[in-house]
Amino acid sequence: MAERKRPGDDAVGDRPDNDGPDDAAIDDTGVEDDVVADDEPVSRGGTAVRERKASAESPKAKKEGRVGIFGRIGGFFREVVGELRKVIWPTRKELLTYTGVVIAFVAIMTTIVAVLDFGFAKAVLFAFGGKSS
């Protein structure tokens, strides 16, 4: 029985030759994109992060600079107002539609739960010999 080939199982002889540049690696000017000079550092795929220095102008230093609880409460309310300005509020028609959908859904679910509760109560009374009205 022949073994099934999976990705990565191919033999060294089955791999395509990588002697020349791929067509996808050459841009419109005919220059290969992947060519790296010997003196350039080779990237290993990480994310470049700018070095940060602790200074008095950092946001953390500004927050710590607020004095007392009133400054923090004021900052909180400024942030709340800023977030509320970003909200896309529904129109009156959308609000009425959403409200109607919610009320209908709750009414349907309440009816289902009530019917199931009544049915299970009758089944328990029947199974354990309680009086049935």
C-alpha atoms as a PDB file:
ATOM      1  CA  MET A   1       0.000   0.000   0.000  1.00  0.00           C
ATOM      2  CA  ALA A   2       1.454   3.366  -0.999  1.00  0.00           C
ATOM      3  CA  GLU A   3       1.915   5.983   1.671  1.00  0.00           C
ATOM      4  CA  ARG A   4       0.016   9.205   1.325  1.00  0.00           C
ATOM      5  CA  LYS A   5       2.210  12.263   0.794  1.00  0.00           C
ATOM      6  CA  ARG A   6       1.709  15.174   3.131  1.00  0.00           C
ATOM      7  CA  PRO A   7       3.115  18.690   2.867  1.00  0.00           C
ATOM      8  CA  GLY A   8       6.705  18.654   4.071  1.00  0.00           C
ATOM      9  CA  ASP A   9       7.172  14.931   3.378  1.00  0.00           C
ATOM     10  CA  ASP A  10       8.632  15.423  -0.081  1.00  0.00           C
ATOM     11  CA  ALA A  11      12.116  14.087  -0.691  1.00  0.00           C
ATOM     12  CA  VAL A  12      15.067  16.364  -1.456  1.00  0.00           C
ATOM     13  CA  GLY A  13      15.084  15.247  -5.085  1.00  0.00           C
ATOM     14  CA  ASP A  14      11.384  16.144  -5.508  1.00  0.00           C
ATOM     15  CA  ARG A  15      11.823  19.778  -4.510  1.00  0.00           C
ATOM     16  CA  PRO A  16      12.004  22.412  -7.265  1.00  0.00           C
ATOM     17  CA  ASP A  17      15.353  24.038  -7.944  1.00  0.00           C
ATOM     18  CA  ASN A  18      15.792  27.505  -6.476  1.00  0.00           C
ATOM     19  CA  ASP A  19      18.729  28.522  -8.687  1.00  0.00           C
ATOM     20  CA  GLY A  20      17.063  31.515 -10.340  1.00  0.00           C
ATOM     21  CA  PRO A  21      14.807  34.240  -9.006  1.00  0.00           C
ATOM     22  CA  ASP A  22      11.062  33.632  -8.951  1.00  0.00           C
ATOM     23  CA  ASP A  23       8.930  35.684 -11.306  1.00  0.00           C
ATOM     24  CA  ALA A  24       6.958  37.016  -8.322  1.00  0.00           C
ATOM     25  CA  ALA A  25      10.129  38.327  -6.680  1.00  0.00           C
ATOM     26  CA  ILE A  26      11.018  40.568  -9.641  1.00  0.00           C
ATOM     27  CA  ASP A  27       9.226  43.888  -9.895  1.00  0.00           C
ATOM     28  CA  ASP A  28       8.407  45.892 -13.048  1.00  0.00           C
ATOM     29  CA  THR A  29      11.938  47.288 -13.303  1.00  0.00           C
ATOM     30  CA  GLY A  30      13.428  43.800 -13.533  1.00  0.00           C
ATOM     31  CA  VAL A  31      15.233  44.109 -10.200  1.00  0.00           C
ATOM     32  CA  GLU A  32      14.809  41.349  -7.658  1.00  0.00           C
ATOM     33  CA  ASP A  33      13.170  42.519  -4.394  1.00  0.00           C
ATOM     34  CA  ASP A  34      14.842  39.978  -2.130  1.00  0.00           C
ATOM     35  CA  VAL A  35      18.413  41.023  -2.916  1.00  0.00           C
ATOM     36  CA  VAL A  36      20.124  42.145   0.291  1.00  0.00           C
ATOM     37  CA  ALA A  37      23.566  43.723   0.362  1.00  0.00           C
ATOM     38  CA  ASP A  38      26.186  41.991   2.497  1.00  0.00           C
ATOM     39  CA  ASP A  39      26.461  44.946   4.884  1.00  0.00           C
ATOM     40  CA  GLU A  40      22.681  45.211   5.501  1.00  0.00           C
ATOM     41  CA  PRO A  41      21.251  43.390   8.525  1.00  0.00           C
ATOM     42  CA  VAL A  42      18.980  40.459   7.734  1.00  0.00           C
ATOM     43  CA  SER A  43      15.463  40.706   9.134  1.00  0.00           C
ATOM     44  CA  ARG A  44      14.185  37.717  11.065  1.00  0.00           C
ATOM     45  CA  GLY A  45      10.502  38.702  10.906  1.00  0.00           C
ATOM     46  CA  GLY A  46      10.006  40.550  14.189  1.00  0.00           C
ATOM     47  CA  THR A  47       8.120  43.777  14.716  1.00  0.00           C
ATOM     48  CA  ALA A  48      10.167  46.935  14.795  1.00  0.00           C
ATOM     49  CA  VAL A  49       9.533  48.924  17.942  1.00  0.00           C
ATOM     50  CA  ARG A  50      10.836  52.401  18.548  1.00  0.00           C
ATOM     51  CA  GLU A  51      12.819  52.586  21.744  1.00  0.00           C
ATOM     52  CA  ARG A  52      10.959  54.425  24.460  1.00  0.00           C
ATOM     53  CA  LYS A  53      12.588  56.444  27.157  1.00  0.00           C
ATOM     54  CA  ALA A  54      10.964  57.287  30.448  1.00  0.00           C
ATOM     55  CA  SER A  55      10.441  61.013  30.475  1.00  0.00           C
ATOM     56  CA  ALA A  56       8.221  63.572  32.104  1.00  0.00           C
ATOM     57  CA  GLU A  57       6.237  63.938  28.835  1.00  0.00           C
ATOM     58  CA  SER A  58       5.069  60.307  28.739  1.00  0.00           C
ATOM     59  CA  PRO A  59       1.306  59.693  29.147  1.00  0.00           C
ATOM     60  CA  LYS A  60       1.911  57.712  32.322  1.00  0.00           C
ATOM     61  CA  ALA A  61       3.782  60.593  33.860  1.00  0.00           C
ATOM     62  CA  LYS A  62       0.930  62.945  32.923  1.00  0.00           C
ATOM     63  CA  LYS A  63      -1.649  60.674  34.564  1.00  0.00           C
ATOM     64  CA  GLU A  64       0.432  60.386  37.706  1.00  0.00           C
ATOM     65  CA  GLY A  65       0.783  64.168  37.700  1.00  0.00           C
ATOM     66  CA  ARG A  66      -2.938  64.646  38.346  1.00  0.00           C
ATOM     67  CA  VAL A  67      -3.486  65.546  41.913  1.00  0.00           C
ATOM     68  CA  GLY A  68      -6.031  63.732  44.022  1.00  0.00           C
ATOM     69  CA  ILE A  69      -9.256  61.971  43.396  1.00  0.00           C
ATOM     70  CA  PHE A  70     -10.992  64.945  41.747  1.00  0.00           C
ATOM     71  CA  GLY A  71      -8.466  65.050  38.924  1.00  0.00           C
ATOM     72  CA  ARG A  72      -8.962  61.342  38.267  1.00  0.00           C
ATOM     73  CA  ILE A  73     -12.754  61.684  38.358  1.00  0.00           C
ATOM     74  CA  GLY A  74     -12.570  64.620  35.927  1.00  0.00           C
ATOM     75  CA  GLY A  75     -10.360  62.576  33.602  1.00  0.00           C
ATOM     76  CA  PHE A  76     -12.816  59.699  33.749  1.00  0.00           C
ATOM     77  CA  PHE A  77     -15.750  61.913  32.732  1.00  0.00           C
ATOM     78  CA  ARG A  78     -13.720  63.476  29.903  1.00  0.00           C
ATOM     79  CA  GLU A  79     -13.010  59.982  28.577  1.00  0.00           C
ATOM     80  CA  VAL A  80     -16.689  58.996  28.906  1.00  0.00           C
ATOM     81  CA  VAL A  81     -17.801  62.048  26.911  1.00  0.00           C
ATOM     82  CA  GLY A  82     -15.160  61.307  24.275  1.00  0.00           C
ATOM     83  CA  GLU A  83     -16.389  57.730  23.896  1.00  0.00           C
ATOM     84  CA  LEU A  84     -20.054  58.792  23.746  1.00  0.00           C
ATOM     85  CA  ARG A  85     -19.204  61.125  20.849  1.00  0.00           C
ATOM     86  CA  LYS A  86     -17.961  58.094  18.884  1.00  0.00           C
ATOM     87  CA  VAL A  87     -21.263  56.201  19.287  1.00  0.00           C
ATOM     88  CA  ILE A  88     -23.523  55.931  16.245  1.00  0.00           C
ATOM     89  CA  TRP A  89     -26.948  56.454  17.765  1.00  0.00           C
ATOM     90  CA  PRO A  90     -29.965  54.721  16.146  1.00  0.00           C
ATOM     91  CA  THR A  91     -32.689  56.749  14.493  1.00  0.00           C
ATOM     92  CA  ARG A  92     -36.166  56.863  16.028  1.00  0.00           C
ATOM     93  CA  LYS A  93     -37.446  54.314  13.473  1.00  0.00           C
ATOM     94  CA  GLU A  94     -34.549  51.923  14.181  1.00  0.00           C
ATOM     95  CA  LEU A  95     -35.069  52.293  17.923  1.00  0.00           C
ATOM     96  CA  LEU A  96     -38.776  51.442  17.655  1.00  0.00           C
ATOM     97  CA  THR A  97     -37.979  48.461  15.403  1.00  0.00           C
ATOM     98  CA  TYR A  98     -35.333  47.106  17.793  1.00  0.00           C
ATOM     99  CA  THR A  99     -37.644  47.609  20.780  1.00  0.00           C
ATOM    100  CA  GLY A 100     -40.462  45.751  19.029  1.00  0.00           C
ATOM    101  CA  VAL A 101     -38.172  42.859  18.147  1.00  0.00           C
ATOM    102  CA  VAL A 102     -36.956  42.571  21.746  1.00  0.00           C
ATOM    103  CA  ILE A 103     -40.486  42.685  23.209  1.00  0.00           C
ATOM    104  CA  ALA A 104     -41.727  40.049  20.706  1.00  0.00           C
ATOM    105  CA  PHE A 105     -38.747  37.780  21.433  1.00  0.00           C
ATOM    106  CA  VAL A 106     -39.217  38.048  25.190  1.00  0.00           C
ATOM    107  CA  ALA A 107     -42.960  37.339  24.862  1.00  0.00           C
ATOM    108  CA  ILE A 108     -42.300  34.242  22.731  1.00  0.00           C
ATOM    109  CA  MET A 109     -39.620  32.915  25.091  1.00  0.00           C
ATOM    110  CA  THR A 110     -41.845  33.550  28.127  1.00  0.00           C
ATOM    111  CA  THR A 111     -44.675  31.601  26.476  1.00  0.00           C
ATOM    112  CA  ILE A 112     -42.352  28.676  25.662  1.00  0.00           C
ATOM    113  CA  VAL A 113     -40.993  28.548  29.227  1.00  0.00           C
ATOM    114  CA  ALA A 114     -44.500  28.777  30.713  1.00  0.00           C
ATOM    115  CA  VAL A 115     -45.799  25.914  28.518  1.00  0.00           C
ATOM    116  CA  LEU A 116     -42.787  23.737  29.359  1.00  0.00           C
ATOM    117  CA  ASP A 117     -43.143  24.528  33.072  1.00  0.00           C
ATOM    118  CA  PHE A 118     -46.827  23.626  33.010  1.00  0.00           C
ATOM    119  CA  GLY A 119     -46.119  20.410  31.082  1.00  0.00           C
ATOM    120  CA  PHE A 120     -43.303  19.293  33.391  1.00  0.00           C
ATOM    121  CA  ALA A 121     -45.404  20.094  36.473  1.00  0.00           C
ATOM    122  CA  LYS A 122     -48.244  17.922  35.146  1.00  0.00           C
ATOM    123  CA  ALA A 123     -45.780  15.132  34.260  1.00  0.00           C
ATOM    124  CA  VAL A 124     -44.236  15.164  37.764  1.00  0.00           C
ATOM    125  CA  LEU A 125     -47.650  15.128  39.439  1.00  0.00           C
ATOM    126  CA  PHE A 126     -48.752  12.253  37.207  1.00  0.00           C
ATOM    127  CA  ALA A 127     -45.528  10.263  37.814  1.00  0.00           C
ATOM    128  CA  PHE A 128     -45.555  10.634  41.597  1.00  0.00           C
ATOM    129  CA  GLY A 129     -49.282  10.339  42.132  1.00  0.00           C
ATOM    130  CA  GLY A 130     -50.123  13.865  43.187  1.00  0.00           C
ATOM    131  CA  LYS A 131     -53.596  15.245  42.872  1.00  0.00           C
ATOM    132  CA  SER A 132     -54.321  16.656  39.490  1.00  0.00           C
ATOM    133  CA  SER A 133     -56.849  19.422  39.140  1.00  0.00           C
END
